[in-house]
PDB file of N, CA and C in Angstrom:
ATOM      1  N   MET A   1     152.430 102.244  68.369  1.00  0.00           N
ATOM      2  CA  MET A   1     152.036 101.251  69.332  1.00  0.00           C
ATOM      3  C   MET A   1     150.796 101.766  70.085  1.00  0.00           C
ATOM      4  N   LEU A   2     149.776 100.939  70.175  1.00  0.00           N
ATOM      5  CA  LEU A   2     148.558 101.299  70.889  1.00  0.00           C
ATOM      6  C   LEU A   2     148.752 101.149  72.386  1.00  0.00           C
ATOM      7  N   ARG A   3     148.206 102.090  73.110  1.00  0.00           N
ATOM      8  CA  ARG A   3     148.277 102.017  74.571  1.00  0.00           C
ATOM      9  C   ARG A   3     146.977 101.421  75.094  1.00  0.00           C
ATOM     10  N   THR A   4     147.064 100.654  76.119  1.00  0.00           N
ATOM     11  CA  THR A   4     145.857 100.108  76.730  1.00  0.00           C
ATOM     12  C   THR A   4     145.410 101.037  77.843  1.00  0.00           C
ATOM     13  N   ALA A   5     144.188 100.849  78.283  1.00  0.00           N
ATOM     14  CA  ALA A   5     143.639 101.683  79.360  1.00  0.00           C
ATOM     15  C   ALA A   5     144.460 101.561  80.631  1.00  0.00           C
ATOM     16  N   VAL A   6     145.108 100.433  80.821  1.00  0.00           N
ATOM     17  CA  VAL A   6     145.921 100.219  82.023  1.00  0.00           C
ATOM     18  C   VAL A   6     147.144 101.130  82.007  1.00  0.00           C
ATOM     19  N   ASP A   7     147.648 101.459  80.810  1.00  0.00           N
ATOM     20  CA  ASP A   7     148.849 102.282  80.678  1.00  0.00           C
ATOM     21  C   ASP A   7     148.590 103.770  80.873  1.00  0.00           C
ATOM     22  N   ILE A   8     147.342 104.177  80.824  1.00  0.00           N
ATOM     23  CA  ILE A   8     147.010 105.594  80.865  1.00  0.00           C
ATOM     24  C   ILE A   8     146.750 106.027  82.302  1.00  0.00           C
ATOM     25  N   GLU A   9     147.296 107.161  82.662  1.00  0.00           N
ATOM     26  CA  GLU A   9     147.011 107.739  83.977  1.00  0.00           C
ATOM     27  C   GLU A   9     145.892 108.757  83.799  1.00  0.00           C
ATOM     28  N   TYR A  10     144.865 108.638  84.610  1.00  0.00           N
ATOM     29  CA  TYR A  10     143.717 109.520  84.522  1.00  0.00           C
ATOM     30  C   TYR A  10     143.778 110.555  85.640  1.00  0.00           C
ATOM     31  N   THR A  11     143.199 111.715  85.383  1.00  0.00           N
ATOM     32  CA  THR A  11     143.151 112.740  86.415  1.00  0.00           C
ATOM     33  C   THR A  11     142.103 112.333  87.452  1.00  0.00           C
ATOM     34  N   GLU A  12     142.188 112.948  88.603  1.00  0.00           N
ATOM     35  CA  GLU A  12     141.212 112.688  89.660  1.00  0.00           C
ATOM     36  C   GLU A  12     139.807 113.057  89.175  1.00  0.00           C
ATOM     37  N   GLN A  13     139.718 114.155  88.430  1.00  0.00           N
ATOM     38  CA  GLN A  13     138.426 114.590  87.902  1.00  0.00           C
ATOM     39  C   GLN A  13     137.858 113.566  86.920  1.00  0.00           C
ATOM     40  N   GLU A  14     138.688 113.020  86.037  1.00  0.00           N
ATOM     41  CA  GLU A  14     138.223 112.018  85.076  1.00  0.00           C
ATOM     42  C   GLU A  14     137.717 110.772  85.802  1.00  0.00           C
ATOM     43  N   GLU A  15     138.427 110.363  86.820  1.00  0.00           N
ATOM     44  CA  GLU A  15     138.011 109.177  87.585  1.00  0.00           C
ATOM     45  C   GLU A  15     136.700 109.448  88.318  1.00  0.00           C
ATOM     46  N   GLU A  16     136.565 110.652  88.861  1.00  0.00           N
ATOM     47  CA  GLU A  16     135.355 111.015  89.585  1.00  0.00           C
ATOM     48  C   GLU A  16     134.151 111.065  88.641  1.00  0.00           C
ATOM     49  N   ILE A  17     134.322 111.675  87.479  1.00  0.00           N
ATOM     50  CA  ILE A  17     133.236 111.730  86.493  1.00  0.00           C
ATOM     51  C   ILE A  17     132.819 110.325  86.079  1.00  0.00           C
ATOM     52  N   ALA A  18     133.790 109.453  85.849  1.00  0.00           N
ATOM     53  CA  ALA A  18     133.495 108.075  85.448  1.00  0.00           C
ATOM     54  C   ALA A  18     132.717 107.346  86.548  1.00  0.00           C
ATOM     55  N   ARG A  19     133.097 107.567  87.809  1.00  0.00           N
ATOM     56  CA  ARG A  19     132.409 106.914  88.932  1.00  0.00           C
ATOM     57  C   ARG A  19     130.959 107.396  88.993  1.00  0.00           C
ATOM     58  N   TYR A  20     130.749 108.707  88.849  1.00  0.00           N
ATOM     59  CA  TYR A  20     129.397 109.244  88.876  1.00  0.00           C
ATOM     60  C   TYR A  20     128.595 108.741  87.671  1.00  0.00           C
ATOM     61  N   ALA A  21     129.203 108.749  86.499  1.00  0.00           N
ATOM     62  CA  ALA A  21     128.503 108.314  85.284  1.00  0.00           C
ATOM     63  C   ALA A  21     128.081 106.856  85.394  1.00  0.00           C
ATOM     64  N   LYS A  22     128.940 106.030  85.955  1.00  0.00           N
ATOM     65  CA  LYS A  22     128.596 104.613  86.133  1.00  0.00           C
ATOM     66  C   LYS A  22     127.396 104.476  87.058  1.00  0.00           C
ATOM     67  N   ALA A  23     127.388 105.235  88.145  1.00  0.00           N
ATOM     68  CA  ALA A  23     126.265 105.178  89.083  1.00  0.00           C
ATOM     69  C   ALA A  23     124.985 105.700  88.449  1.00  0.00           C
ATOM     70  N   LEU A  24     125.105 106.643  87.530  1.00  0.00           N
ATOM     71  CA  LEU A  24     123.936 107.216  86.862  1.00  0.00           C
ATOM     72  C   LEU A  24     123.489 106.392  85.657  1.00  0.00           C
ATOM     73  N   GLY A  25     124.172 105.293  85.406  1.00  0.00           N
ATOM     74  CA  GLY A  25     123.949 104.513  84.199  1.00  0.00           C
ATOM     75  C   GLY A  25     122.750 103.584  84.210  1.00  0.00           C
ATOM     76  N   HIS A  26     121.803 103.794  85.089  1.00  0.00           N
ATOM     77  CA  HIS A  26     120.593 102.961  85.093  1.00  0.00           C
ATOM     78  C   HIS A  26     119.385 103.864  85.345  1.00  0.00           C
ATOM     79  N   PRO A  27     118.309 103.694  84.580  1.00  0.00           N
ATOM     80  CA  PRO A  27     117.141 104.567  84.723  1.00  0.00           C
ATOM     81  C   PRO A  27     116.525 104.554  86.125  1.00  0.00           C
ATOM     82  N   VAL A  28     116.580 103.419  86.812  1.00  0.00           N
ATOM     83  CA  VAL A  28     116.028 103.365  88.175  1.00  0.00           C
ATOM     84  C   VAL A  28     116.812 104.290  89.099  1.00  0.00           C
ATOM     85  N   ARG A  29     118.112 104.356  88.918  1.00  0.00           N
ATOM     86  CA  ARG A  29     118.940 105.234  89.757  1.00  0.00           C
ATOM     87  C   ARG A  29     118.633 106.702  89.467  1.00  0.00           C
ATOM     88  N   ILE A  30     118.377 107.012  88.217  1.00  0.00           N
ATOM     89  CA  ILE A  30     117.982 108.382  87.860  1.00  0.00           C
ATOM     90  C   ILE A  30     116.656 108.712  88.544  1.00  0.00           C
ATOM     91  N   ARG A  31     115.723 107.779  88.502  1.00  0.00           N
ATOM     92  CA  ARG A  31     114.420 107.988  89.149  1.00  0.00           C
ATOM     93  C   ARG A  31     114.597 108.198  90.651  1.00  0.00           C
ATOM     94  N   ILE A  32     115.420 107.372  91.289  1.00  0.00           N
ATOM     95  CA  ILE A  32     115.677 107.510  92.725  1.00  0.00           C
ATOM     96  C   ILE A  32     116.257 108.881  93.032  1.00  0.00           C
ATOM     97  N   LEU A  33     117.235 109.308  92.253  1.00  0.00           N
ATOM     98  CA  LEU A  33     117.846 110.617  92.491  1.00  0.00           C
ATOM     99  C   LEU A  33     116.840 111.746  92.319  1.00  0.00           C
ATOM    100  N   ARG A  34     115.994 111.644  91.314  1.00  0.00           N
ATOM    101  CA  ARG A  34     114.966 112.679  91.116  1.00  0.00           C
ATOM    102  C   ARG A  34     114.007 112.733  92.297  1.00  0.00           C
ATOM    103  N   LEU A  35     113.616 111.556  92.786  1.00  0.00           N
ATOM    104  CA  LEU A  35     112.717 111.521  93.943  1.00  0.00           C
ATOM    105  C   LEU A  35     113.387 112.124  95.174  1.00  0.00           C
ATOM    106  N   LEU A  36     114.636 111.751  95.409  1.00  0.00           N
ATOM    107  CA  LEU A  36     115.346 112.276  96.575  1.00  0.00           C
ATOM    108  C   LEU A  36     115.611 113.775  96.442  1.00  0.00           C
ATOM    109  N   ALA A  37     115.874 114.232  95.230  1.00  0.00           N
ATOM    110  CA  ALA A  37     116.137 115.659  95.013  1.00  0.00           C
ATOM    111  C   ALA A  37     114.876 116.502  95.217  1.00  0.00           C
ATOM    112  N   SER A  38     113.717 115.889  95.061  1.00  0.00           N
ATOM    113  CA  SER A  38     112.461 116.627  95.199  1.00  0.00           C
ATOM    114  C   SER A  38     111.988 116.723  96.650  1.00  0.00           C
ATOM    115  N   ARG A  39     112.669 116.052  97.556  1.00  0.00           N
ATOM    116  CA  ARG A  39     112.319 116.100  98.975  1.00  0.00           C
ATOM    117  C   ARG A  39     113.576 116.154  99.823  1.00  0.00           C
ATOM    118  N   SER A  40     113.407 116.436 101.071  1.00  0.00           N
ATOM    119  CA  SER A  40     114.585 116.549 101.937  1.00  0.00           C
ATOM    120  C   SER A  40     115.199 115.180 102.214  1.00  0.00           C
ATOM    121  N   CYS A  41     114.358 114.145 102.281  1.00  0.00           N
ATOM    122  CA  CYS A  41     114.858 112.783 102.486  1.00  0.00           C
ATOM    123  C   CYS A  41     113.741 111.806 102.167  1.00  0.00           C
ATOM    124  N   CYS A  42     114.080 110.531 102.225  1.00  0.00           N
ATOM    125  CA  CYS A  42     113.105 109.488 101.911  1.00  0.00           C
ATOM    126  C   CYS A  42     113.538 108.212 102.627  1.00  0.00           C
ATOM    127  N   TYR A  43     112.591 107.427 103.073  1.00  0.00           N
ATOM    128  CA  TYR A  43     112.905 106.139 103.695  1.00  0.00           C
ATOM    129  C   TYR A  43     112.861 105.057 102.633  1.00  0.00           C
ATOM    130  N   ASN A  44     113.742 104.059 102.797  1.00  0.00           N
ATOM    131  CA  ASN A  44     113.861 103.026 101.764  1.00  0.00           C
ATOM    132  C   ASN A  44     112.534 102.364 101.440  1.00  0.00           C
ATOM    133  N   GLY A  45     111.693 102.115 102.404  1.00  0.00           N
ATOM    134  CA  GLY A  45     110.394 101.493 102.148  1.00  0.00           C
ATOM    135  C   GLY A  45     109.472 102.370 101.332  1.00  0.00           C
ATOM    136  N   ASP A  46     109.607 103.687 101.465  1.00  0.00           N
ATOM    137  CA  ASP A  46     108.765 104.619 100.709  1.00  0.00           C
ATOM    138  C   ASP A  46     109.062 104.539  99.213  1.00  0.00           C
ATOM    139  N   LEU A  47     110.277 104.205  98.869  1.00  0.00           N
ATOM    140  CA  LEU A  47     110.648 104.161  97.448  1.00  0.00           C
ATOM    141  C   LEU A  47     109.909 103.063  96.700  1.00  0.00           C
ATOM    142  N   THR A  48     109.579 101.958  97.381  1.00  0.00           N
ATOM    143  CA  THR A  48     108.851 100.885  96.700  1.00  0.00           C
ATOM    144  C   THR A  48     107.426 101.317  96.353  1.00  0.00           C
ATOM    145  N   GLU A  49     106.904 102.313  97.055  1.00  0.00           N
ATOM    146  CA  GLU A  49     105.589 102.850  96.710  1.00  0.00           C
ATOM    147  C   GLU A  49     105.669 103.713  95.449  1.00  0.00           C
ATOM    148  N   GLU A  50     106.823 104.333  95.231  1.00  0.00           N
ATOM    149  CA  GLU A  50     107.026 105.214  94.076  1.00  0.00           C
ATOM    150  C   GLU A  50     107.564 104.462  92.854  1.00  0.00           C
ATOM    151  N   ILE A  51     108.354 103.429  93.115  1.00  0.00           N
ATOM    152  CA  ILE A  51     108.978 102.655  92.043  1.00  0.00           C
ATOM    153  C   ILE A  51     108.512 101.212  92.197  1.00  0.00           C
ATOM    154  N   PRO A  52     107.752 100.709  91.242  1.00  0.00           N
ATOM    155  CA  PRO A  52     107.180  99.361  91.381  1.00  0.00           C
ATOM    156  C   PRO A  52     108.217  98.250  91.156  1.00  0.00           C
ATOM    157  N   MET A  53     109.087  98.097  92.142  1.00  0.00           N
ATOM    158  CA  MET A  53     110.122  97.060  92.094  1.00  0.00           C
ATOM    159  C   MET A  53     110.258  96.453  93.481  1.00  0.00           C
ATOM    160  N   ALA A  54     110.875  95.300  93.522  1.00  0.00           N
ATOM    161  CA  ALA A  54     111.121  94.643  94.800  1.00  0.00           C
ATOM    162  C   ALA A  54     112.058  95.493  95.659  1.00  0.00           C
ATOM    163  N   GLN A  55     111.858  95.441  96.961  1.00  0.00           N
ATOM    164  CA  GLN A  55     112.705  96.189  97.893  1.00  0.00           C
ATOM    165  C   GLN A  55     114.169  95.814  97.714  1.00  0.00           C
ATOM    166  N   SER A  56     114.447  94.540  97.463  1.00  0.00           N
ATOM    167  CA  SER A  56     115.839  94.101  97.304  1.00  0.00           C
ATOM    168  C   SER A  56     116.487  94.734  96.076  1.00  0.00           C
ATOM    169  N   THR A  57     115.721  94.903  95.011  1.00  0.00           N
ATOM    170  CA  THR A  57     116.245  95.528  93.793  1.00  0.00           C
ATOM    171  C   THR A  57     116.527  97.004  94.038  1.00  0.00           C
ATOM    172  N   ILE A  58     115.602  97.675  94.683  1.00  0.00           N
ATOM    173  CA  ILE A  58     115.809  99.089  94.999  1.00  0.00           C
ATOM    174  C   ILE A  58     117.006  99.243  95.924  1.00  0.00           C
ATOM    175  N   SER A  59     117.148  98.340  96.873  1.00  0.00           N
ATOM    176  CA  SER A  59     118.296  98.390  97.794  1.00  0.00           C
ATOM    177  C   SER A  59     119.626  98.271  97.047  1.00  0.00           C
ATOM    178  N   GLN A  60     119.667  97.444  96.012  1.00  0.00           N
ATOM    179  CA  GLN A  60     120.895  97.311  95.206  1.00  0.00           C
ATOM    180  C   GLN A  60     121.220  98.631  94.508  1.00  0.00           C
ATOM    181  N   HIS A  61     120.200  99.290  93.989  1.00  0.00           N
ATOM    182  CA  HIS A  61     120.415 100.575  93.318  1.00  0.00           C
ATOM    183  C   HIS A  61     120.830 101.655  94.322  1.00  0.00           C
ATOM    184  N   LEU A  62     120.213 101.643  95.492  1.00  0.00           N
ATOM    185  CA  LEU A  62     120.604 102.583  96.543  1.00  0.00           C
ATOM    186  C   LEU A  62     122.064 102.367  96.944  1.00  0.00           C
ATOM    187  N   LYS A  63     122.471 101.118  97.025  1.00  0.00           N
ATOM    188  CA  LYS A  63     123.855 100.796  97.380  1.00  0.00           C
ATOM    189  C   LYS A  63     124.822 101.374  96.350  1.00  0.00           C
ATOM    190  N   ALA A  64     124.510 101.226  95.066  1.00  0.00           N
ATOM    191  CA  ALA A  64     125.375 101.759  94.004  1.00  0.00           C
ATOM    192  C   ALA A  64     125.470 103.282  94.085  1.00  0.00           C
ATOM    193  N   LEU A  65     124.353 103.935  94.346  1.00  0.00           N
ATOM    194  CA  LEU A  65     124.352 105.400  94.465  1.00  0.00           C
ATOM    195  C   LEU A  65     125.126 105.854  95.699  1.00  0.00           C
ATOM    196  N   LYS A  66     124.990 105.092  96.758  1.00  0.00           N
ATOM    197  CA  LYS A  66     125.709 105.435  98.000  1.00  0.00           C
ATOM    198  C   LYS A  66     127.209 105.228  97.833  1.00  0.00           C
ATOM    199  N   GLU A  67     127.606 104.121  97.201  1.00  0.00           N
ATOM    200  CA  GLU A  67     129.032 103.844  96.973  1.00  0.00           C
ATOM    201  C   GLU A  67     129.674 104.919  96.102  1.00  0.00           C
ATOM    202  N   ALA A  68     128.905 105.473  95.174  1.00  0.00           N
ATOM    203  CA  ALA A  68     129.426 106.539  94.315  1.00  0.00           C
ATOM    204  C   ALA A  68     129.445 107.888  95.036  1.00  0.00           C
ATOM    205  N   GLY A  69     128.831 107.938  96.211  1.00  0.00           N
ATOM    206  CA  GLY A  69     128.817 109.179  96.974  1.00  0.00           C
ATOM    207  C   GLY A  69     127.705 110.138  96.592  1.00  0.00           C
ATOM    208  N   LEU A  70     126.737 109.662  95.814  1.00  0.00           N
ATOM    209  CA  LEU A  70     125.659 110.538  95.369  1.00  0.00           C
ATOM    210  C   LEU A  70     124.557 110.691  96.407  1.00  0.00           C
ATOM    211  N   ILE A  71     124.403 109.676  97.247  1.00  0.00           N
ATOM    212  CA  ILE A  71     123.410 109.752  98.316  1.00  0.00           C
ATOM    213  C   ILE A  71     124.066 109.328  99.620  1.00  0.00           C
ATOM    214  N   GLN A  72     123.382 109.609 100.694  1.00  0.00           N
ATOM    215  CA  GLN A  72     123.846 109.165 101.997  1.00  0.00           C
ATOM    216  C   GLN A  72     122.668 108.553 102.729  1.00  0.00           C
ATOM    217  N   GLY A  73     122.957 107.604 103.596  1.00  0.00           N
ATOM    218  CA  GLY A  73     121.908 106.932 104.340  1.00  0.00           C
ATOM    219  C   GLY A  73     122.174 106.989 105.829  1.00  0.00           C
ATOM    220  N   GLU A  74     121.094 107.035 106.573  1.00  0.00           N
ATOM    221  CA  GLU A  74     121.180 107.048 108.030  1.00  0.00           C
ATOM    222  C   GLU A  74     120.248 105.959 108.539  1.00  0.00           C
ATOM    223  N   ILE A  75     120.789 105.042 109.330  1.00  0.00           N
ATOM    224  CA  ILE A  75     119.982 103.946 109.847  1.00  0.00           C
ATOM    225  C   ILE A  75     119.176 104.434 111.043  1.00  0.00           C
ATOM    226  N   LEU A  76     117.866 104.330 110.879  1.00  0.00           N
ATOM    227  CA  LEU A  76     116.923 104.669 111.947  1.00  0.00           C
ATOM    228  C   LEU A  76     115.986 103.468 112.080  1.00  0.00           C
ATOM    229  N   PRO A  77     116.424 102.448 112.844  1.00  0.00           N
ATOM    230  CA  PRO A  77     115.672 101.185 112.879  1.00  0.00           C
ATOM    231  C   PRO A  77     114.175 101.405 113.040  1.00  0.00           C
ATOM    232  N   PRO A  78     113.375 100.688 112.292  1.00  0.00           N
ATOM    233  CA  PRO A  78     113.735  99.608 111.371  1.00  0.00           C
ATOM    234  C   PRO A  78     113.961 100.075 109.935  1.00  0.00           C
ATOM    235  N   LYS A  79     114.076 101.368 109.721  1.00  0.00           N
ATOM    236  CA  LYS A  79     114.217 101.894 108.364  1.00  0.00           C
ATOM    237  C   LYS A  79     115.575 102.557 108.159  1.00  0.00           C
ATOM    238  N   ILE A  80     115.842 102.885 106.909  1.00  0.00           N
ATOM    239  CA  ILE A  80     117.035 103.670 106.555  1.00  0.00           C
ATOM    240  C   ILE A  80     116.548 104.913 105.825  1.00  0.00           C
ATOM    241  N   LYS A  81     117.017 106.060 106.278  1.00  0.00           N
ATOM    242  CA  LYS A  81     116.642 107.337 105.663  1.00  0.00           C
ATOM    243  C   LYS A  81     117.730 107.712 104.657  1.00  0.00           C
ATOM    244  N   TYR A  82     117.312 108.004 103.425  1.00  0.00           N
ATOM    245  CA  TYR A  82     118.248 108.390 102.365  1.00  0.00           C
ATOM    246  C   TYR A  82     118.026 109.834 101.957  1.00  0.00           C
ATOM    247  N   CYS A  83     119.132 110.508 101.650  1.00  0.00           N
ATOM    248  CA  CYS A  83     119.104 111.890 101.174  1.00  0.00           C
ATOM    249  C   CYS A  83     120.175 112.042 100.088  1.00  0.00           C
ATOM    250  N   ILE A  84     120.013 113.055  99.274  1.00  0.00           N
ATOM    251  CA  ILE A  84     121.056 113.425  98.317  1.00  0.00           C
ATOM    252  C   ILE A  84     122.268 113.893  99.114  1.00  0.00           C
ATOM    253  N   ASN A  85     123.455 113.499  98.700  1.00  0.00           N
ATOM    254  CA  ASN A  85     124.677 114.035  99.292  1.00  0.00           C
ATOM    255  C   ASN A  85     124.907 115.376  98.601  1.00  0.00           C
ATOM    256  N   LYS A  86     124.487 116.448  99.249  1.00  0.00           N
ATOM    257  CA  LYS A  86     124.458 117.767  98.607  1.00  0.00           C
ATOM    258  C   LYS A  86     125.833 118.242  98.154  1.00  0.00           C
ATOM    259  N   GLU A  87     126.848 117.975  98.938  1.00  0.00           N
ATOM    260  CA  GLU A  87     128.201 118.404  98.560  1.00  0.00           C
ATOM    261  C   GLU A  87     128.650 117.700  97.281  1.00  0.00           C
ATOM    262  N   ASN A  88     128.493 116.384  97.244  1.00  0.00           N
ATOM    263  CA  ASN A  88     128.894 115.641  96.045  1.00  0.00           C
ATOM    264  C   ASN A  88     127.987 115.952  94.862  1.00  0.00           C
ATOM    265  N   TRP A  89     126.717 116.240  95.131  1.00  0.00           N
ATOM    266  CA  TRP A  89     125.788 116.570  94.051  1.00  0.00           C
ATOM    267  C   TRP A  89     126.236 117.840  93.328  1.00  0.00           C
ATOM    268  N   LYS A  90     126.780 118.797  94.084  1.00  0.00           N
ATOM    269  CA  LYS A  90     127.323 120.009  93.474  1.00  0.00           C
ATOM    270  C   LYS A  90     128.525 119.671  92.587  1.00  0.00           C
ATOM    271  N   HIS A  91     129.359 118.733  93.034  1.00  0.00           N
ATOM    272  CA  HIS A  91     130.511 118.295  92.236  1.00  0.00           C
ATOM    273  C   HIS A  91     130.034 117.644  90.939  1.00  0.00           C
ATOM    274  N   VAL A  92     129.026 116.793  91.044  1.00  0.00           N
ATOM    275  CA  VAL A  92     128.487 116.118  89.857  1.00  0.00           C
ATOM    276  C   VAL A  92     128.006 117.148  88.845  1.00  0.00           C
ATOM    277  N   GLN A  93     127.232 118.109  89.307  1.00  0.00           N
ATOM    278  CA  GLN A  93     126.700 119.127  88.408  1.00  0.00           C
ATOM    279  C   GLN A  93     127.820 119.908  87.732  1.00  0.00           C
ATOM    280  N   LYS A  94     128.823 120.293  88.504  1.00  0.00           N
ATOM    281  CA  LYS A  94     129.941 121.047  87.937  1.00  0.00           C
ATOM    282  C   LYS A  94     130.716 120.206  86.931  1.00  0.00           C
ATOM    283  N   HIS A  95     131.038 118.971  87.308  1.00  0.00           N
ATOM    284  CA  HIS A  95     131.805 118.099  86.411  1.00  0.00           C
ATOM    285  C   HIS A  95     131.087 117.891  85.080  1.00  0.00           C
ATOM    286  N   PHE A  96     129.782 117.624  85.133  1.00  0.00           N
ATOM    287  CA  PHE A  96     129.058 117.370  83.895  1.00  0.00           C
ATOM    288  C   PHE A  96     128.861 118.647  83.082  1.00  0.00           C
ATOM    289  N   ARG A  97     128.694 119.784  83.748  1.00  0.00           N
ATOM    290  CA  ARG A  97     128.642 121.060  83.015  1.00  0.00           C
ATOM    291  C   ARG A  97     129.945 121.288  82.268  1.00  0.00           C
ATOM    292  N   ASP A  98     131.060 121.097  82.982  1.00  0.00           N
ATOM    293  CA  ASP A  98     132.384 121.288  82.367  1.00  0.00           C
ATOM    294  C   ASP A  98     132.589 120.305  81.215  1.00  0.00           C
ATOM    295  N   LEU A  99     132.192 119.068  81.422  1.00  0.00           N
ATOM    296  CA  LEU A  99     132.365 118.029  80.405  1.00  0.00           C
ATOM    297  C   LEU A  99     131.565 118.338  79.143  1.00  0.00           C
ATOM    298  N   LEU A 100     130.378 118.873  79.296  1.00  0.00           N
ATOM    299  CA  LEU A 100     129.490 119.096  78.168  1.00  0.00           C
ATOM    300  C   LEU A 100     129.658 120.458  77.498  1.00  0.00           C
ATOM    301  N   ARG A 101     130.597 121.232  77.944  1.00  0.00           N
ATOM    302  CA  ARG A 101     130.882 122.518  77.285  1.00  0.00           C
ATOM    303  C   ARG A 101     131.589 122.324  75.983  1.00  0.00           C
TER     304      ARG A 101
END
């Protein structure tokens, strides 16, 4: 008898890797992470100068990265400052290293 995904219990690590992988599943998000990793922080408006896309589109990608815990944002009206979530970034690196061994 075949089991469905609903029947399977996943480990916390498997769920975490899947959440990170989903957030990393778009090239724009990879670009955003690379830009943020190369500096201490970045304001949302600055990203449109680096990535030729509408602010609303970049905001959607930032939201996905933030929901996955890969970045963090601080509201400093009228802008939002984004940075890599360093603690979670270490988890991502470890999880993917372990996965790819």
